[in-house]
Amino acid sequence: MGENAAYVLDEQQSPATETRQLTADEARRLTLYAQGFLGGGRRGGVAGMLHRVGAVQLDTISVLARSHELVAYARLGPVGRDAVESAYWPAKKPATFEYWAHAACVLPLELWPYYAWRRRAIAARGQRWHKVSEDVCEEVLARLRSEGPLTATQLGGAKGGGPWWDWSEVKIAAEWLLDTGRAVCVRRTGWRRVYDLPERAIPEPLLELAPDDAECVAYLTGVTTRALGVATAADLAEYQRLSQQTRIAHSVDDAAAAAGLTPVTISAASSGRPLRGWADPTALAWLDAGGRGRHRTTLLSPFDSLIWDRKRTLRMFGYRHALEAYVPKEKRVHGYYTMPLLAGGQIVGRVDPARDGKTLLAKQVTVDKPAAVAPMARALAEAAQWVGCDTVHPERVSPSHLAQPLLAALRTEGVS
């Protein structure tokens, strides 16, 4: 995809240095801690959560709620949805901006200087998948200068008159300006991006920073490893899409060393070879202190950063993650918007939810073992209450012999 023009990290063998040995279970616990599902993940509320994970993916699909709300809910519990919105997009002083990270994401504002490498790479390519009119770009910039922040609709319309993907010239220009850093989005209104000028929206100290590409990637390597707790070169590349199109001679060892990370070797959970990686020293200190904390039991958005990387998710949890929203209905296996169940630090089931008035419909529920029935009921009950439902109705349960135990567990939770 064009928005993912990226810097490639070359994995080179580092000089002989002492590396920390981690088991697969320790690596999993470090990630759960870093992502806010184990231990003190509620510190700092929504803003603290965003800084912890580094990036929250945005997506138009809304089932129980939009994904960026579900990401906060999964870590913090039934936090008010208005509080989530206001933390991401404050009415006055900006706290975030939107840009391409793993995908289209909301990001902490202080990361603005360190996405300059991607802005430069996109600008050097010359266009997205649309042809961009520089004349229209200049018209958009002139409107922003004279009228202040504007949505695509206020600028003249987002659609070009054709199918839903047919952007108008104004929308194409506004998005190109956003891609290349000549415009910025630091808030939304009614789910519409509000475009602004960086010199008006980004604090001057951040605007004045001018890191080169190597400095940008080293900084984001640190951000990503702190978000994951521990990461391999492939993990780092996937979290920030650092693996496509643009190549600059730089090794992951150099980036990790500049970020102050600890080299580690992660034992394979099965018969595979150990993996070489890097860990966040703060997360390692937590592990060395006992690694204690309460596990969160929750349903995960299919766009949650814990499970962005399908290979890592399979390696870490033994779970094959798939989004079937864009799969023809007759070919879906688990449902339109399958949400994995996280309980006890493992993924132990999944559910395809929907809403019908005050009822949360669990259109398809899968639990991996009988012990996962009670956590599934607890997660469904909490999610239902969060979105204003007072009843949960499971339509299909797999395996079928666990349908009655699930109904009994939902009655215990008071939502059946």
Protein backbone atom coordinates (compact mmCIF):
# COMPACT_ATOMS: atom_id res chain seq x y z
CA MET A 1 0.00 0.00 0.00
CA GLY A 2 1.26 3.47 -0.86
CA GLU A 3 0.89 4.91 2.63
CA ASN A 4 3.30 2.30 3.95
CA ALA A 5 6.41 3.56 2.18
CA ALA A 6 8.97 2.52 4.70
CA TYR A 7 12.48 2.36 5.99
CA VAL A 8 14.02 -1.11 5.91
CA LEU A 9 15.94 -2.34 8.92
CA ASP A 10 18.72 -4.70 7.92
CA GLU A 11 19.19 -7.44 10.51
CA GLN A 12 22.93 -7.85 10.94
CA GLN A 13 24.75 -9.97 13.43
CA SER A 14 25.86 -7.80 16.31
CA PRO A 15 29.31 -8.05 17.86
CA ALA A 16 29.81 -10.65 20.57
CA THR A 17 27.93 -9.23 23.55
CA GLU A 18 26.23 -10.86 26.49
CA THR A 19 22.53 -11.32 25.78
CA ARG A 20 19.67 -11.98 28.17
CA GLN A 21 17.92 -15.33 27.76
CA LEU A 22 14.11 -15.25 27.84
CA THR A 23 11.67 -18.13 27.74
CA ALA A 24 8.67 -17.95 25.41
CA ASP A 25 6.44 -17.51 28.47
CA GLU A 26 8.55 -14.61 29.76
CA ALA A 27 8.39 -12.93 26.36
CA ARG A 28 4.61 -13.28 26.32
CA ARG A 29 4.29 -11.81 29.82
CA LEU A 30 6.56 -8.90 28.90
CA THR A 31 4.30 -8.11 25.96
CA LEU A 32 1.13 -8.33 28.04
CA TYR A 33 2.70 -6.00 30.59
CA ALA A 34 3.94 -3.54 27.99
CA GLN A 35 0.59 -3.51 26.17
CA GLY A 36 -1.32 -2.82 29.38
CA PHE A 37 -3.04 -6.18 29.94
CA LEU A 38 -1.02 -7.28 32.95
CA GLY A 39 -0.03 -5.19 35.94
CA GLY A 40 -0.48 -1.42 36.03
CA GLY A 41 -2.03 -0.90 32.63
CA ARG A 42 -4.64 1.58 33.91
CA ARG A 43 -2.11 4.25 34.89
CA GLY A 44 -2.71 7.55 33.14
CA GLY A 45 -6.11 6.64 31.70
CA VAL A 46 -6.65 6.83 27.94
CA ALA A 47 -3.72 9.20 27.36
CA GLY A 48 -1.41 6.90 29.32
CA MET A 49 -2.66 3.92 27.33
CA LEU A 50 -1.91 5.67 24.03
CA HIS A 51 1.63 6.51 25.13
CA ARG A 52 2.09 2.94 26.29
CA VAL A 53 1.15 1.31 22.98
CA GLY A 54 2.58 4.11 20.83
CA ALA A 55 -0.15 3.96 18.16
CA VAL A 56 -3.87 3.15 18.04
CA GLN A 57 -5.28 2.05 14.69
CA LEU A 58 -8.29 3.86 13.25
CA ASP A 59 -10.94 2.03 11.25
CA THR A 60 -14.37 2.93 9.92
CA ILE A 61 -16.08 -0.32 10.99
CA SER A 62 -18.23 0.05 14.10
CA VAL A 63 -19.84 -3.00 15.70
CA LEU A 64 -19.92 -2.63 19.48
CA ALA A 65 -17.89 0.56 19.03
CA ARG A 66 -15.16 1.80 16.74
CA SER A 67 -11.81 0.07 17.10
CA HIS A 68 -9.99 3.01 18.72
CA GLU A 69 -12.62 2.94 21.49
CA LEU A 70 -12.33 -0.84 21.88
CA VAL A 71 -8.55 -0.60 22.27
CA ALA A 72 -8.95 1.74 25.24
CA TYR A 73 -11.80 -0.33 26.69
CA ALA A 74 -9.81 -3.57 26.44
CA ARG A 75 -7.10 -2.17 28.70
CA LEU A 76 -9.01 0.20 30.96
CA GLY A 77 -12.38 -1.46 31.34
CA PRO A 78 -15.68 0.39 30.89
CA VAL A 79 -14.19 3.88 30.55
CA GLY A 80 -16.66 6.44 29.23
CA ARG A 81 -16.69 6.63 25.45
CA ASP A 82 -16.74 10.45 25.58
CA ALA A 83 -13.59 10.29 27.71
CA VAL A 84 -11.91 8.17 25.02
CA GLU A 85 -12.79 10.67 22.29
CA SER A 86 -11.71 13.71 24.29
CA ALA A 87 -8.39 12.07 25.20
CA TYR A 88 -7.60 11.34 21.55
CA TRP A 89 -8.90 14.64 20.19
CA PRO A 90 -9.02 17.34 22.90
CA ALA A 91 -11.14 20.36 22.04
CA LYS A 92 -8.35 22.84 22.78
CA LYS A 93 -4.71 21.88 23.17
CA PRO A 94 -3.75 19.06 20.73
CA ALA A 95 -2.41 15.86 22.26
CA THR A 96 -2.26 13.60 19.21
CA PHE A 97 -1.93 13.58 15.45
CA GLU A 98 -3.00 11.11 12.80
CA TYR A 99 -0.55 9.43 10.48
CA TRP A 100 0.56 6.17 8.93
CA ALA A 101 2.23 3.86 11.46
CA HIS A 102 1.17 0.21 11.33
CA ALA A 103 -1.84 1.59 9.44
CA ALA A 104 -3.78 4.84 9.78
CA CYS A 105 -3.28 5.57 13.48
CA VAL A 106 -3.74 8.16 16.16
CA LEU A 107 -0.30 8.89 17.66
CA PRO A 108 1.07 10.87 20.61
CA LEU A 109 1.90 14.37 19.44
CA GLU A 110 5.53 14.16 20.55
CA LEU A 111 6.16 11.53 17.86
CA TRP A 112 5.50 14.06 15.07
CA PRO A 113 9.21 14.80 14.36
CA TYR A 114 10.07 11.11 14.13
CA TYR A 115 7.72 10.31 11.26
CA ALA A 116 9.65 12.76 9.10
CA TRP A 117 11.45 9.83 7.42
CA ARG A 118 8.10 8.50 6.15
CA ARG A 119 6.90 11.94 5.08
CA ARG A 120 10.14 12.37 3.12
CA ALA A 121 9.82 8.91 1.55
CA ILE A 122 6.25 9.55 0.42
CA ALA A 123 7.14 12.99 -0.96
CA ALA A 124 10.05 11.48 -2.90
CA ARG A 125 7.71 8.95 -4.49
CA GLY A 126 5.62 11.80 -5.88
CA GLN A 127 2.08 10.58 -5.36
CA ARG A 128 -0.17 8.12 -3.58
CA TRP A 129 -2.42 5.85 -5.61
CA HIS A 130 -4.20 8.98 -6.81
CA LYS A 131 -2.79 11.60 -9.16
CA VAL A 132 -2.25 14.78 -7.15
CA SER A 133 -2.78 18.30 -8.48
CA GLU A 134 -0.24 20.73 -7.02
CA ASP A 135 -2.55 23.60 -7.97
CA VAL A 136 -5.34 22.11 -5.84
CA CYS A 137 -2.82 21.51 -3.02
CA GLU A 138 -1.94 25.20 -3.07
CA GLU A 139 -5.63 26.12 -3.04
CA VAL A 140 -6.21 23.90 0.00
CA LEU A 141 -3.23 25.41 1.82
CA ALA A 142 -4.46 28.93 1.02
CA ARG A 143 -7.88 28.07 2.47
CA LEU A 144 -6.30 26.65 5.64
CA ARG A 145 -4.16 29.77 6.05
CA SER A 146 -7.04 32.16 5.61
CA GLU A 147 -9.95 30.26 7.21
CA GLY A 148 -8.32 28.04 9.82
CA PRO A 149 -8.77 24.27 10.33
CA LEU A 150 -11.26 22.68 7.89
CA THR A 151 -12.75 19.28 7.06
CA ALA A 152 -12.75 17.89 3.52
CA THR A 153 -16.45 18.75 3.32
CA GLN A 154 -15.76 22.34 4.31
CA LEU A 155 -12.94 22.48 1.77
CA GLY A 156 -15.32 21.50 -1.01
CA GLY A 157 -16.34 17.88 -0.61
CA ALA A 158 -14.74 14.50 0.03
CA LYS A 159 -16.36 12.60 -2.86
CA GLY A 160 -15.87 13.02 -6.56
CA GLY A 161 -19.43 12.00 -7.44
CA GLY A 162 -18.76 8.33 -8.16
CA PRO A 163 -18.55 5.24 -5.90
CA TRP A 164 -17.61 5.64 -2.25
CA TRP A 165 -13.86 5.35 -2.98
CA ASP A 166 -14.00 8.09 -5.62
CA TRP A 167 -12.33 10.99 -3.80
CA SER A 168 -12.71 14.55 -4.99
CA GLU A 169 -9.62 16.50 -6.06
CA VAL A 170 -9.84 18.48 -2.82
CA LYS A 171 -9.83 15.29 -0.72
CA ILE A 172 -6.92 13.85 -2.70
CA ALA A 173 -4.96 17.07 -2.21
CA ALA A 174 -5.76 17.26 1.52
CA GLU A 175 -4.64 13.66 2.07
CA TRP A 176 -1.46 14.21 0.05
CA LEU A 177 -0.67 17.27 2.14
CA LEU A 178 -1.26 15.15 5.25
CA ASP A 179 0.99 12.35 3.92
CA THR A 180 3.85 14.75 3.21
CA GLY A 181 3.54 16.88 6.36
CA ARG A 182 2.37 20.11 4.73
CA ALA A 183 -0.92 19.62 6.59
CA VAL A 184 -1.74 17.79 9.81
CA CYS A 185 -4.79 16.31 11.55
CA VAL A 186 -4.86 16.78 15.32
CA ARG A 187 -8.60 16.40 15.86
CA ARG A 188 -11.79 15.03 14.35
CA THR A 189 -15.37 16.19 14.32
CA GLY A 190 -18.18 13.73 13.60
CA TRP A 191 -15.54 11.18 12.55
CA ARG A 192 -14.27 13.62 9.90
CA ARG A 193 -10.64 14.64 9.83
CA VAL A 194 -9.97 18.31 10.46
CA TYR A 195 -7.00 19.49 8.39
CA ASP A 196 -4.72 22.20 9.74
CA LEU A 197 -1.29 23.71 9.16
CA PRO A 198 1.59 22.15 11.13
CA GLU A 199 2.92 25.57 12.13
CA ARG A 200 -0.41 26.30 13.80
CA ALA A 201 -1.14 22.89 15.33
CA ILE A 202 2.27 21.44 16.27
CA PRO A 203 4.15 23.08 19.17
CA GLU A 204 7.21 24.99 18.00
CA PRO A 205 9.76 22.86 19.92
CA LEU A 206 8.53 19.80 18.01
CA LEU A 207 8.51 21.62 14.69
CA GLU A 208 12.10 22.71 15.22
CA LEU A 209 13.36 19.15 15.67
CA ALA A 210 14.92 17.84 12.47
CA PRO A 211 16.04 14.22 13.00
CA ASP A 212 17.58 12.42 10.06
CA ASP A 213 16.23 9.07 8.90
CA ALA A 214 18.49 6.99 11.13
CA GLU A 215 17.54 9.06 14.18
CA CYS A 216 13.84 8.73 13.34
CA VAL A 217 13.99 4.97 13.03
CA ALA A 218 16.13 4.54 16.16
CA TYR A 219 13.61 6.59 18.11
CA LEU A 220 10.64 4.59 16.76
CA THR A 221 12.49 1.35 17.43
CA GLY A 222 12.57 2.38 21.08
CA VAL A 223 8.90 3.37 21.05
CA THR A 224 7.93 0.06 19.46
CA THR A 225 10.01 -2.11 21.78
CA ARG A 226 8.59 -0.33 24.81
CA ALA A 227 5.12 -0.97 23.37
CA LEU A 228 5.86 -4.68 22.89
CA GLY A 229 8.17 -5.28 25.84
CA VAL A 230 10.37 -7.47 23.67
CA ALA A 231 10.66 -7.66 19.89
CA THR A 232 12.54 -9.33 17.08
CA ALA A 233 13.62 -7.45 13.97
CA ALA A 234 10.53 -8.79 12.18
CA ASP A 235 8.30 -7.64 15.04
CA LEU A 236 9.76 -4.14 14.89
CA ALA A 237 9.29 -3.98 11.14
CA GLU A 238 5.65 -5.05 11.28
CA TYR A 239 4.57 -2.80 14.15
CA GLN A 240 5.68 0.33 12.30
CA ARG A 241 5.68 -1.06 8.74
CA LEU A 242 9.44 -0.59 8.49
CA SER A 243 9.87 -3.21 5.82
CA GLN A 244 8.73 -1.91 2.46
CA GLN A 245 9.96 0.06 -0.51
CA THR A 246 12.58 2.49 0.85
CA ARG A 247 16.03 1.17 1.76
CA ILE A 248 18.58 3.11 3.76
CA ALA A 249 21.75 1.40 4.95
CA HIS A 250 21.18 0.96 8.67
CA SER A 251 21.05 -2.08 10.90
CA VAL A 252 18.53 -2.98 13.55
CA ASP A 253 21.45 -3.40 15.96
CA ASP A 254 22.42 0.24 15.49
CA ALA A 255 18.82 1.37 15.99
CA ALA A 256 18.36 -0.81 19.08
CA ALA A 257 21.64 0.36 20.60
CA ALA A 258 20.72 4.01 19.98
CA ALA A 259 17.37 3.38 21.66
CA GLY A 260 19.04 1.87 24.76
CA LEU A 261 17.48 -1.58 24.37
CA THR A 262 18.74 -4.83 25.85
CA PRO A 263 19.75 -7.66 23.46
CA VAL A 264 17.89 -10.89 24.23
CA THR A 265 17.43 -14.40 22.94
CA ILE A 266 13.87 -15.74 23.07
CA SER A 267 13.49 -19.48 23.43
CA ALA A 268 11.09 -21.01 20.92
CA ALA A 269 7.82 -22.33 22.35
CA SER A 270 8.09 -25.44 20.20
CA SER A 271 10.99 -27.05 18.40
CA GLY A 272 11.89 -23.93 16.41
CA ARG A 273 15.19 -22.13 16.76
CA PRO A 274 15.62 -19.42 19.41
CA LEU A 275 14.89 -15.90 18.21
CA ARG A 276 17.19 -12.96 18.51
CA GLY A 277 15.62 -9.72 19.72
CA TRP A 278 15.70 -6.70 22.01
CA ALA A 279 13.81 -5.85 25.18
CA ASP A 280 12.77 -2.75 27.05
CA PRO A 281 14.96 -2.48 30.18
CA THR A 282 12.02 -1.15 32.24
CA ALA A 283 9.89 -4.16 31.32
CA LEU A 284 12.80 -6.48 32.17
CA ALA A 285 13.10 -4.80 35.57
CA TRP A 286 9.40 -5.48 36.17
CA LEU A 287 9.95 -9.13 35.24
CA ASP A 288 12.97 -9.39 37.53
CA ALA A 289 10.92 -7.93 40.39
CA GLY A 290 8.50 -10.83 40.09
CA GLY A 291 6.38 -9.75 37.14
CA ARG A 292 3.27 -9.64 39.27
CA GLY A 293 -0.08 -8.15 38.39
CA ARG A 294 -3.65 -8.93 37.53
CA HIS A 295 -4.45 -10.26 34.08
CA ARG A 296 -7.19 -8.47 32.18
CA THR A 297 -10.09 -10.58 30.87
CA THR A 298 -11.50 -8.87 27.81
CA LEU A 299 -12.56 -9.00 24.19
CA LEU A 300 -10.05 -7.54 21.74
CA SER A 301 -10.69 -5.46 18.67
CA PRO A 302 -9.44 -7.31 15.57
CA PHE A 303 -7.37 -4.15 14.99
CA ASP A 304 -5.76 -4.20 18.47
CA SER A 305 -1.99 -3.68 18.49
CA LEU A 306 -1.55 -6.80 20.65
CA ILE A 307 -2.53 -8.89 17.62
CA TRP A 308 -1.52 -6.67 14.65
CA ASP A 309 1.24 -9.06 13.67
CA ARG A 310 -0.31 -12.38 12.70
CA LYS A 311 2.96 -14.33 12.76
CA ARG A 312 3.85 -12.95 16.19
CA THR A 313 0.31 -13.64 17.47
CA LEU A 314 0.57 -17.25 16.33
CA ARG A 315 4.04 -17.58 17.85
CA MET A 316 3.08 -15.99 21.16
CA PHE A 317 -0.49 -17.22 21.71
CA GLY A 318 -0.93 -20.14 19.33
CA TYR A 319 -3.82 -18.16 17.79
CA ARG A 320 -4.43 -17.70 14.07
CA HIS A 321 -5.78 -14.18 13.75
CA ALA A 322 -7.96 -13.35 10.75
CA LEU A 323 -10.29 -10.47 9.96
CA GLU A 324 -13.24 -11.69 7.89
CA ALA A 325 -15.12 -8.39 7.51
CA TYR A 326 -13.94 -8.19 3.90
CA VAL A 327 -14.49 -11.88 3.18
CA PRO A 328 -17.75 -12.87 1.40
CA LYS A 329 -20.31 -13.96 3.99
CA GLU A 330 -20.53 -17.51 2.71
CA LYS A 331 -16.77 -17.95 3.10
CA ARG A 332 -16.47 -16.68 6.67
CA VAL A 333 -15.40 -19.19 9.29
CA HIS A 334 -15.71 -17.23 12.54
CA GLY A 335 -17.78 -14.18 11.56
CA TYR A 336 -17.77 -10.62 10.29
CA TYR A 337 -15.96 -8.89 13.21
CA THR A 338 -14.36 -11.64 15.24
CA MET A 339 -13.09 -10.42 18.61
CA PRO A 340 -10.54 -12.68 20.37
CA LEU A 341 -11.04 -13.43 24.07
CA LEU A 342 -8.00 -12.66 26.23
CA ALA A 343 -8.05 -14.34 29.64
CA GLY A 344 -5.27 -15.35 31.98
CA GLY A 345 -2.72 -14.02 29.53
CA GLN A 346 -3.82 -16.35 26.74
CA ILE A 347 -6.26 -16.11 23.84
CA VAL A 348 -8.84 -18.78 24.68
CA GLY A 349 -11.78 -18.05 22.40
CA ARG A 350 -13.43 -15.62 20.01
CA VAL A 351 -16.83 -14.08 19.39
CA ASP A 352 -18.57 -12.31 16.49
CA PRO A 353 -20.76 -9.66 18.21
CA ALA A 354 -23.60 -7.42 17.07
CA ARG A 355 -26.29 -5.32 18.76
CA ASP A 356 -30.07 -5.50 18.60
CA GLY A 357 -31.50 -2.77 20.78
CA LYS A 358 -30.54 -3.54 24.37
CA THR A 359 -29.30 -7.02 23.47
CA LEU A 360 -25.72 -7.90 22.64
CA LEU A 361 -25.90 -10.67 20.07
CA ALA A 362 -23.05 -13.15 20.18
CA LYS A 363 -23.66 -14.43 16.68
CA GLN A 364 -20.89 -16.97 16.86
CA VAL A 365 -18.98 -17.93 20.00
CA THR A 366 -15.97 -20.24 20.06
CA VAL A 367 -14.31 -21.33 23.29
CA ASP A 368 -11.14 -23.40 23.25
CA LYS A 369 -11.87 -25.39 26.39
CA PRO A 370 -14.49 -25.65 29.16
CA ALA A 371 -12.37 -23.48 31.46
CA ALA A 372 -12.82 -20.60 29.00
CA VAL A 373 -16.61 -20.51 29.39
CA ALA A 374 -16.66 -18.38 32.55
CA PRO A 375 -14.15 -15.81 31.21
CA MET A 376 -16.16 -15.59 27.97
CA ALA A 377 -19.33 -14.90 29.93
CA ARG A 378 -17.56 -12.31 32.07
CA ALA A 379 -16.10 -10.55 29.01
CA LEU A 380 -19.46 -10.56 27.19
CA ALA A 381 -21.25 -9.20 30.24
CA GLU A 382 -18.78 -6.36 30.73
CA ALA A 383 -18.85 -5.45 27.03
CA ALA A 384 -22.65 -5.48 27.00
CA GLN A 385 -22.89 -3.17 29.99
CA TRP A 386 -20.29 -0.83 28.47
CA VAL A 387 -22.34 -0.33 25.29
CA GLY A 388 -25.66 -0.04 27.13
CA CYS A 389 -27.01 -3.57 26.66
CA ASP A 390 -28.62 -5.51 29.50
CA THR A 391 -28.92 -8.89 27.79
CA VAL A 392 -26.49 -11.19 25.97
CA HIS A 393 -27.87 -13.71 23.50
CA PRO A 394 -25.49 -16.37 22.12
CA GLU A 395 -26.78 -17.59 18.75
CA ARG A 396 -24.21 -20.28 17.95
CA VAL A 397 -21.65 -21.80 20.31
CA SER A 398 -18.73 -24.02 19.35
CA PRO A 399 -18.28 -26.65 20.61
CA SER A 400 -22.06 -27.01 20.92
CA HIS A 401 -21.95 -28.95 24.19
CA LEU A 402 -20.68 -25.77 25.91
CA ALA A 403 -23.76 -23.74 24.93
CA GLN A 404 -25.69 -24.55 28.09
CA PRO A 405 -22.71 -23.93 30.42
CA LEU A 406 -22.23 -20.54 28.69
CA LEU A 407 -25.90 -19.62 29.24
CA ALA A 408 -25.55 -20.61 32.90
CA ALA A 409 -22.42 -18.49 33.26
CA LEU A 410 -24.19 -15.52 31.63
CA ARG A 411 -27.04 -15.88 34.12
CA THR A 412 -24.46 -15.76 36.90
CA GLU A 413 -23.18 -12.49 35.39
CA GLY A 414 -26.76 -11.15 35.31
CA VAL A 415 -27.08 -10.62 31.55
CA SER A 416 -29.02 -13.67 30.35
